Amino acid sequence: VDNASVNADTLPSPDQLEKGQSLWLDAWHRLYKNKMALAGAMFIGSMVLLCFIGPFFLEKSYSDQDLSQALKAPSAEYWLGTDHLGRDQFSRILFGGRISFLV
C-alpha cells in the first residue's frame, strides 16, 4: 500500500479548511463576554487617557504654590481642593498617575 496516495486522498482541500481566529480577536471576544473585566478595562483605559491628556487642559500646574489658597475645600476652581502649600490636588494626582503608568 502506498502511504502517499492514501494520505493525499483523505486530506481536505484548501477550500474546505476553516479559517482560524487571531489571538487578539479571541481575547476581545473573551473580554467582551466578561462584563466586569470589560468595565475594569474601560476604567483603566479612561484613567490612562485622563492622566496623559488631562494635564494639557488644566490651568494650574502641579507644582504651582499659592499659600493664600492653602487647604481649600473642593470647589469649581479646585476640583479636589488644595494641600497645605496651596497646590492643586487634582493636577498633582494626574501628574502622579502619569508617572505610575509609565513605570
Protein backbone atom coordinates (compact mmCIF):
# COMPACT_ATOMS: atom_id res chain seq x y z
CA VAL A 1 0.00 0.00 0.00
CA ASP A 2 1.30 3.42 -0.96
CA ASN A 3 1.03 5.76 2.06
CA ALA A 4 1.40 8.93 -0.01
CA SER A 5 -1.69 8.17 -2.10
CA VAL A 6 -3.77 7.22 0.96
CA ASN A 7 -2.88 10.41 2.85
CA ALA A 8 -3.47 12.64 -0.16
CA ASP A 9 -6.96 11.21 -0.64
CA THR A 10 -8.02 11.79 2.99
CA LEU A 11 -6.77 15.39 3.37
CA PRO A 12 -9.34 18.14 2.84
CA SER A 13 -8.81 20.64 0.06
CA PRO A 14 -7.72 24.17 0.96
CA ASP A 15 -11.24 25.43 0.22
CA GLN A 16 -12.68 23.11 2.89
CA LEU A 17 -10.33 24.24 5.68
CA GLU A 18 -11.75 26.54 8.36
CA LYS A 19 -10.20 29.93 8.89
CA GLY A 20 -8.69 30.34 12.37
CA GLN A 21 -9.18 33.40 14.59
CA SER A 22 -6.32 35.58 15.64
CA LEU A 23 -5.29 35.65 19.28
CA TRP A 24 -6.32 39.32 19.55
CA LEU A 25 -9.80 38.62 18.22
CA ASP A 26 -10.17 35.69 20.58
CA ALA A 27 -9.03 37.84 23.52
CA TRP A 28 -11.51 40.58 22.53
CA HIS A 29 -14.40 38.09 22.43
CA ARG A 30 -13.46 36.71 25.85
CA LEU A 31 -13.17 40.23 27.29
CA TYR A 32 -16.49 41.30 25.74
CA LYS A 33 -18.30 38.34 27.32
CA ASN A 34 -16.99 39.16 30.82
CA LYS A 35 -18.81 42.38 31.80
CA MET A 36 -16.76 43.02 34.95
CA ALA A 37 -13.48 42.68 33.04
CA LEU A 38 -14.83 44.97 30.32
CA ALA A 39 -15.84 47.59 32.92
CA GLY A 40 -12.39 47.35 34.52
CA ALA A 41 -10.64 47.70 31.17
CA MET A 42 -12.76 50.75 30.34
CA PHE A 43 -11.98 52.32 33.73
CA ILE A 44 -8.23 51.74 33.40
CA GLY A 45 -8.31 52.99 29.80
CA SER A 46 -10.09 56.18 30.83
CA MET A 47 -7.60 56.70 33.67
CA VAL A 48 -4.66 56.31 31.28
CA LEU A 49 -6.25 58.73 28.82
CA LEU A 50 -7.04 61.25 31.56
CA CYS A 51 -3.53 61.05 33.05
CA PHE A 52 -1.76 61.57 29.74
CA ILE A 53 -4.07 64.09 28.05
CA GLY A 54 -5.68 65.83 31.05
CA PRO A 55 -2.69 67.95 32.17
CA PHE A 56 -2.68 69.76 28.81
CA PHE A 57 -6.14 71.18 29.59
CA LEU A 58 -5.51 72.23 33.21
CA GLU A 59 -4.92 75.87 34.06
CA LYS A 60 -2.89 75.13 37.19
CA SER A 61 0.40 73.28 37.20
CA TYR A 62 1.00 70.51 39.70
CA SER A 63 3.90 72.46 41.24
CA ASP A 64 2.41 75.98 41.42
CA GLN A 65 2.28 77.12 45.04
CA ASP A 66 -0.11 79.75 46.39
CA LEU A 67 -0.10 79.92 50.18
CA SER A 68 -3.22 82.11 50.16
CA GLN A 69 -5.08 79.10 48.70
CA ALA A 70 -3.76 76.57 51.24
CA LEU A 71 -6.11 73.81 52.44
CA LYS A 72 -9.05 74.91 50.31
CA ALA A 73 -12.03 72.60 50.10
CA PRO A 74 -13.10 71.14 46.74
CA SER A 75 -14.71 73.79 44.56
CA ALA A 76 -15.20 74.74 40.91
CA GLU A 77 -11.68 76.18 40.84
CA TYR A 78 -10.00 73.29 42.69
CA TRP A 79 -11.91 70.07 41.97
CA LEU A 80 -10.19 68.10 44.76
CA GLY A 81 -9.08 71.06 46.88
CA THR A 82 -5.55 72.14 47.70
CA ASP A 83 -2.81 70.93 50.02
CA HIS A 84 -1.01 72.87 52.78
CA LEU A 85 1.11 74.72 50.20
CA GLY A 86 -1.86 75.73 48.03
CA ARG A 87 -1.08 73.26 45.22
CA ASP A 88 -3.98 71.85 43.20
CA GLN A 89 -4.61 68.25 44.26
CA PHE A 90 -6.33 67.20 41.02
CA SER A 91 -3.39 68.23 38.82
CA ARG A 92 -0.96 66.56 41.25
CA ILE A 93 -2.92 63.29 41.08
CA LEU A 94 -2.97 63.39 37.27
CA PHE A 95 0.76 64.04 37.11
CA GLY A 96 1.45 61.27 39.63
CA GLY A 97 -0.77 58.90 37.67
CA ARG A 98 1.21 59.57 34.52
CA ILE A 99 4.42 58.61 36.29
CA SER A 100 2.79 55.50 37.78
CA PHE A 101 1.51 54.31 34.40
CA LEU A 102 4.93 54.84 32.81
CA VAL A 103 6.58 52.72 35.48
